[in-house]
Amino acid sequence: MRLKSFSLPSRFIALFALLLLFSLVACTAGGDPVESEEVTPVKTGKSSSSVSSSSAGKDSLHVDKAIFGMFEWAVIPKASITRGVNSFGVNSFKISTTEVTQKVYEFVMNDLPKQSKMGDELAVSNVNWFRAVLFCNAFSKVAGLDTAYVYKSIVDDSVLVDLNIDYSANAVRLPTENEWEVAARGGTNTTYYWDTDVAGKYAYYGQTAGPDTVAKRLPNAYGLYDMAGNVAEWVNDWYDAYPKNGSDNYAGPKTGVYRIVRGGGWSDKVTELAPKEREKLAPAHSKVTVGFRLVYSTGF
């Protein structure tokens, strides 16, 4: 008997090709992260309750390149700071080349504190230490990272109860004081990172009108802008005298009353812009001269 030949309808061929394409995509889903085209801002506050580090582990993190790419990041090499006879080692880390702007802060937090001057690319200011920390956690979440700040609850609008900082987390956070100083010096040991050059080329200071656009002046040797002037910057550490013995990756005392602010702000004198200068401020307090920048760390 002779078999009759036949051909599949074109719609079945198209369906088979589509299923094959879906199978190939599924097989390659474990490859490089894909940039997100649209991201919903994260709103934080009392409703966010407690926050803890992700238990998923570093290998399973899906980093959103579009969010992470809101900042340029400079790699700071392993270095040390000598204070008197003591040496403090600092591991390599990444730091944002600019301070957090009003535009990025509002995008992530869906809110913006009152500013002395308004502008998308102006450094955000009037942010207390707790809100800077909440921003770091929110940014980490949107970017697909762990969170570095673990706390039980939020009271009085922004105060974080039973707060701990997980320096081993693959997350965005504030720099330690030693990380900040290593980054600000840009490999120099001079009083200012611009040495004897004109300070106004590098720093926005001695003003009365509020912060300026970020990255408007010359960077230091590590490519970091506004490490002096514009807005002074929160760091993680509690304020206290430096320890009598050196150590590696020192992150400050365990407790305290004030957090440390570095870099000097737009209203300060030039002498207050030197990388060694320290200011202290209660973490629940904010100032129109104080903002912050970010560190990305995969752990000490």
Protein backbone atom coordinates (compact mmCIF):
# COMPACT_ATOMS: atom_id res chain seq x y z
CA MET A 1 0.00 0.00 0.00
CA ARG A 2 1.30 3.41 -0.88
CA LEU A 3 1.35 5.94 1.98
CA LYS A 4 -0.09 9.33 1.27
CA SER A 5 2.35 12.20 1.88
CA PHE A 6 1.27 15.19 3.93
CA SER A 7 2.71 18.48 5.30
CA LEU A 8 2.16 20.24 8.63
CA PRO A 9 0.13 23.44 8.56
CA SER A 10 2.28 26.55 8.87
CA ARG A 11 0.70 27.52 12.20
CA PHE A 12 1.95 24.27 13.79
CA ILE A 13 5.46 24.91 12.50
CA ALA A 14 5.38 28.43 13.98
CA LEU A 15 4.13 27.11 17.33
CA PHE A 16 6.92 24.49 17.41
CA ALA A 17 9.54 27.18 16.71
CA LEU A 18 8.15 29.41 19.49
CA LEU A 19 8.25 26.57 22.03
CA LEU A 20 11.83 25.79 21.02
CA LEU A 21 12.78 29.44 21.56
CA PHE A 22 11.21 29.47 25.05
CA SER A 23 13.17 26.30 25.91
CA LEU A 24 16.46 27.90 24.87
CA VAL A 25 15.73 31.03 26.98
CA ALA A 26 14.91 28.91 30.03
CA CYS A 27 18.16 26.98 29.67
CA THR A 28 20.20 30.18 29.67
CA ALA A 29 18.36 31.92 32.54
CA GLY A 30 21.29 31.44 34.89
CA GLY A 31 23.60 33.69 32.85
CA ASP A 32 24.51 37.34 33.30
CA PRO A 33 21.95 39.65 34.94
CA VAL A 34 19.67 41.53 32.58
CA GLU A 35 19.23 45.24 32.97
CA SER A 36 15.75 46.27 34.07
CA GLU A 37 14.05 48.85 31.91
CA GLU A 38 11.63 50.06 34.56
CA VAL A 39 11.90 49.97 38.33
CA THR A 40 9.24 50.91 40.85
CA PRO A 41 10.61 53.24 43.57
CA VAL A 42 10.72 51.79 47.07
CA LYS A 43 8.93 53.71 49.79
CA THR A 44 10.34 53.28 53.27
CA GLY A 45 9.12 54.39 56.67
CA LYS A 46 7.26 52.97 59.64
CA SER A 47 5.43 50.48 57.45
CA SER A 48 8.71 48.83 56.44
CA SER A 49 9.02 47.16 59.89
CA SER A 50 12.30 45.36 60.54
CA VAL A 51 14.90 44.76 57.88
CA SER A 52 17.44 41.96 57.83
CA SER A 53 20.13 40.77 55.48
CA SER A 54 19.00 38.44 52.72
CA SER A 55 19.50 34.74 53.40
CA ALA A 56 19.72 33.96 49.69
CA GLY A 57 23.52 34.24 49.62
CA LYS A 58 25.85 36.13 47.32
CA ASP A 59 25.75 33.60 44.48
CA SER A 60 21.98 33.93 44.01
CA LEU A 61 21.84 37.74 43.95
CA HIS A 62 20.40 39.23 40.78
CA VAL A 63 22.06 42.63 40.53
CA ASP A 64 20.01 45.22 38.66
CA LYS A 65 22.59 46.97 36.50
CA ALA A 66 20.24 49.82 35.66
CA ILE A 67 19.85 50.76 39.33
CA PHE A 68 23.45 50.06 40.31
CA GLY A 69 24.47 52.18 37.33
CA MET A 70 22.82 55.28 38.79
CA PHE A 71 26.28 55.90 40.22
CA GLU A 72 29.76 55.55 38.84
CA TRP A 73 31.93 53.53 41.19
CA ALA A 74 35.65 53.93 41.83
CA VAL A 75 37.71 51.00 43.08
CA ILE A 76 39.83 52.11 46.02
CA PRO A 77 42.93 49.94 46.47
CA LYS A 78 43.90 48.33 49.75
CA ALA A 79 45.65 50.95 51.87
CA SER A 80 46.43 52.05 55.39
CA ILE A 81 46.24 55.21 57.50
CA THR A 82 48.96 56.05 60.00
CA ARG A 83 47.94 58.03 63.07
CA GLY A 84 50.88 58.61 65.36
CA VAL A 85 52.54 55.22 65.74
CA ASN A 86 49.39 53.27 64.86
CA SER A 87 48.50 51.89 61.44
CA PHE A 88 44.92 51.15 60.34
CA GLY A 89 44.56 48.88 57.32
CA VAL A 90 41.61 49.20 54.93
CA ASN A 91 40.65 46.54 52.40
CA SER A 92 39.85 47.45 48.81
CA PHE A 93 36.28 48.67 48.24
CA LYS A 94 34.10 50.55 45.77
CA ILE A 95 32.76 54.04 46.45
CA SER A 96 30.41 56.24 44.46
CA THR A 97 32.28 58.97 42.63
CA THR A 98 29.59 61.50 43.58
CA GLU A 99 27.42 62.30 46.55
CA VAL A 100 23.78 61.13 46.47
CA THR A 101 21.70 63.65 44.52
CA GLN A 102 18.20 64.91 45.19
CA LYS A 103 16.93 63.08 42.09
CA VAL A 104 18.30 59.69 43.11
CA TYR A 105 17.26 60.09 46.74
CA GLU A 106 13.68 60.93 45.78
CA PHE A 107 13.54 58.10 43.25
CA VAL A 108 14.60 55.49 45.79
CA MET A 109 12.76 56.84 48.85
CA ASN A 110 9.72 58.33 47.11
CA ASP A 111 10.27 61.32 49.38
CA LEU A 112 12.63 64.26 49.77
CA PRO A 113 13.45 66.22 52.93
CA LYS A 114 13.23 70.01 52.77
CA GLN A 115 16.17 71.38 50.78
CA SER A 116 17.77 74.83 50.97
CA LYS A 117 18.12 74.71 47.17
CA MET A 118 16.25 72.48 44.73
CA GLY A 119 17.75 70.71 41.73
CA ASP A 120 17.91 67.13 40.45
CA GLU A 121 21.71 67.05 40.26
CA LEU A 122 22.32 68.96 43.49
CA ALA A 123 23.69 66.93 46.40
CA VAL A 124 20.86 65.95 48.73
CA SER A 125 21.17 67.42 52.22
CA ASN A 126 19.20 67.71 55.45
CA VAL A 127 19.23 63.90 55.72
CA ASN A 128 19.89 62.51 59.19
CA TRP A 129 22.11 59.45 59.68
CA PHE A 130 19.17 57.07 60.11
CA ARG A 131 17.58 58.21 56.86
CA ALA A 132 20.89 57.83 55.06
CA VAL A 133 21.00 54.26 56.38
CA LEU A 134 17.42 53.61 55.26
CA PHE A 135 18.38 54.89 51.82
CA CYS A 136 21.30 52.46 51.69
CA ASN A 137 19.01 49.53 52.51
CA ALA A 138 16.35 50.65 50.04
CA PHE A 139 18.90 51.16 47.26
CA SER A 140 20.42 47.74 48.00
CA LYS A 141 17.00 46.10 47.74
CA VAL A 142 16.09 47.75 44.45
CA ALA A 143 19.51 46.87 43.06
CA GLY A 144 19.05 43.20 44.02
CA LEU A 145 21.68 43.16 46.79
CA ASP A 146 21.63 42.16 50.44
CA THR A 147 21.09 44.82 53.11
CA ALA A 148 23.84 45.89 55.50
CA TYR A 149 21.69 47.46 58.24
CA VAL A 150 19.65 45.13 60.44
CA TYR A 151 17.19 46.58 62.95
CA LYS A 152 14.12 45.65 64.95
CA SER A 153 11.81 48.59 64.31
CA ILE A 154 11.53 52.29 63.39
CA VAL A 155 10.35 54.81 65.97
CA ASP A 156 10.00 58.59 66.00
CA ASP A 157 9.80 58.69 62.20
CA SER A 158 13.34 57.45 61.50
CA VAL A 159 15.17 56.18 64.59
CA LEU A 160 16.22 52.54 64.13
CA VAL A 161 15.89 50.31 67.20
CA ASP A 162 18.46 47.57 67.95
CA LEU A 163 20.51 48.46 64.90
CA ASN A 164 23.45 46.35 63.77
CA ILE A 165 25.68 46.80 60.72
CA ASP A 166 26.55 43.64 58.79
CA TYR A 167 29.90 44.43 57.18
CA SER A 168 30.00 40.95 55.60
CA ALA A 169 26.91 41.66 53.49
CA ASN A 170 27.12 42.13 49.74
CA ALA A 171 25.42 45.50 50.01
CA VAL A 172 25.54 49.25 49.71
CA ARG A 173 26.24 51.16 52.92
CA LEU A 174 27.91 54.25 54.32
CA PRO A 175 31.72 54.17 54.42
CA THR A 176 33.61 53.62 57.63
CA GLU A 177 35.59 56.64 58.77
CA ASN A 178 38.86 55.04 57.66
CA GLU A 179 37.44 54.04 54.28
CA TRP A 180 36.23 57.59 53.78
CA GLU A 181 39.63 59.10 54.64
CA VAL A 182 41.55 56.69 52.39
CA ALA A 183 39.19 57.56 49.53
CA ALA A 184 39.32 61.32 50.20
CA ARG A 185 43.11 61.48 50.29
CA GLY A 186 43.34 59.88 46.86
CA GLY A 187 46.74 58.39 47.66
CA THR A 188 48.18 61.66 48.99
CA ASN A 189 49.55 62.57 52.40
CA THR A 190 49.25 66.34 52.02
CA THR A 191 46.92 68.55 54.05
CA TYR A 192 44.50 68.74 51.11
CA TYR A 193 44.26 66.28 48.25
CA TRP A 194 44.91 69.17 45.82
CA ASP A 195 48.09 70.02 47.73
CA THR A 196 48.90 73.72 47.03
CA ASP A 197 46.59 74.17 44.03
CA VAL A 198 43.63 76.57 44.22
CA ALA A 199 41.02 75.04 46.56
CA GLY A 200 38.09 76.47 44.60
CA LYS A 201 38.95 74.26 41.63
CA TYR A 202 38.13 71.20 43.73
CA ALA A 203 35.76 72.26 46.51
CA TYR A 204 32.56 74.28 46.89
CA TYR A 205 32.86 76.05 50.25
CA GLY A 206 32.42 79.37 52.05
CA GLN A 207 28.94 79.82 50.54
CA THR A 208 25.58 80.97 51.90
CA ALA A 209 23.07 79.56 49.41
CA GLY A 210 23.16 75.78 49.82
CA PRO A 211 24.74 72.82 48.00
CA ASP A 212 25.82 72.78 44.37
CA THR A 213 25.60 70.37 41.43
CA VAL A 214 27.72 67.28 42.04
CA ALA A 215 30.87 66.64 39.98
CA LYS A 216 31.06 70.28 38.92
CA ARG A 217 34.65 70.66 40.12
CA LEU A 218 37.82 68.64 39.68
CA PRO A 219 38.03 65.18 41.27
CA ASN A 220 40.83 63.77 43.38
CA ALA A 221 43.33 61.23 42.03
CA TYR A 222 40.81 58.38 42.54
CA GLY A 223 38.22 60.16 40.40
CA LEU A 224 36.04 61.16 43.37
CA TYR A 225 34.20 64.48 43.28
CA ASP A 226 33.33 66.74 46.21
CA MET A 227 35.25 64.81 48.84
CA ALA A 228 35.77 68.29 50.27
CA GLY A 229 32.96 70.82 50.41
CA ASN A 230 29.51 70.81 48.77
CA VAL A 231 27.88 68.68 51.50
CA ALA A 232 29.71 67.15 54.44
CA GLU A 233 29.21 63.38 54.52
CA TRP A 234 27.95 60.91 57.09
CA VAL A 235 30.10 57.86 57.82
CA ASN A 236 29.16 54.74 59.78
CA ASP A 237 31.30 55.17 62.88
CA TRP A 238 30.30 56.39 66.31
CA TYR A 239 32.35 59.40 67.36
CA ASP A 240 35.14 58.83 69.89
CA ALA A 241 38.89 59.28 70.28
CA TYR A 242 40.93 57.07 67.96
CA PRO A 243 41.95 53.76 69.55
CA LYS A 244 45.42 53.48 71.05
CA ASN A 245 46.26 50.38 69.01
CA GLY A 246 46.06 50.02 65.25
CA SER A 247 43.91 47.39 63.54
CA ASP A 248 42.63 46.41 60.12
CA ASN A 249 39.16 47.43 58.90
CA TYR A 250 38.38 49.34 62.08
CA ALA A 251 34.71 50.30 62.13
CA GLY A 252 34.57 52.51 65.21
CA PRO A 253 33.42 51.91 68.79
CA LYS A 254 30.45 49.65 69.52
CA THR A 255 28.30 52.42 71.04
CA GLY A 256 28.20 56.19 71.22
CA VAL A 257 26.12 59.34 71.24
CA TYR A 258 27.22 60.98 67.99
CA ARG A 259 28.01 59.70 64.50
CA ILE A 260 30.93 61.11 62.52
CA VAL A 261 30.63 63.59 59.64
CA ARG A 262 33.54 64.16 57.27
CA GLY A 263 34.62 66.45 54.44
CA GLY A 264 33.19 69.83 55.36
CA GLY A 265 30.13 71.44 53.79
CA TRP A 266 29.27 74.33 51.49
CA SER A 267 29.29 76.90 54.33
CA ASP A 268 32.59 75.83 55.93
CA LYS A 269 36.02 77.47 55.84
CA VAL A 270 38.75 75.85 53.78
CA THR A 271 40.56 74.64 56.90
CA GLU A 272 37.55 72.44 57.71
CA LEU A 273 37.84 70.64 54.36
CA ALA A 274 41.05 68.74 55.11
CA PRO A 275 40.61 64.93 55.02
CA LYS A 276 41.71 64.58 58.65
CA GLU A 277 39.00 66.92 60.01
CA ARG A 278 36.11 65.33 61.94
CA GLU A 279 32.68 66.61 62.92
CA LYS A 280 30.14 64.92 65.18
CA LEU A 281 26.35 65.00 64.98
CA ALA A 282 23.56 63.07 66.70
CA PRO A 283 22.25 60.46 64.23
CA ALA A 284 18.64 61.67 64.56
CA HIS A 285 19.65 65.24 63.69
CA SER A 286 20.02 66.66 60.20
CA LYS A 287 21.71 69.75 58.78
CA VAL A 288 21.36 71.54 55.45
CA THR A 289 25.14 71.18 55.06
CA VAL A 290 25.24 67.39 55.51
CA GLY A 291 24.57 64.65 52.96
CA PHE A 292 26.25 61.34 52.12
CA ARG A 293 27.77 59.04 49.51
CA LEU A 294 27.76 55.26 49.14
CA VAL A 295 30.20 52.40 49.49
CA TYR A 296 29.66 49.03 47.83
CA SER A 297 31.33 46.26 49.78
CA THR A 298 31.29 42.48 49.58
CA GLY A 299 32.51 42.18 53.15
CA PHE A 300 35.63 42.78 55.23
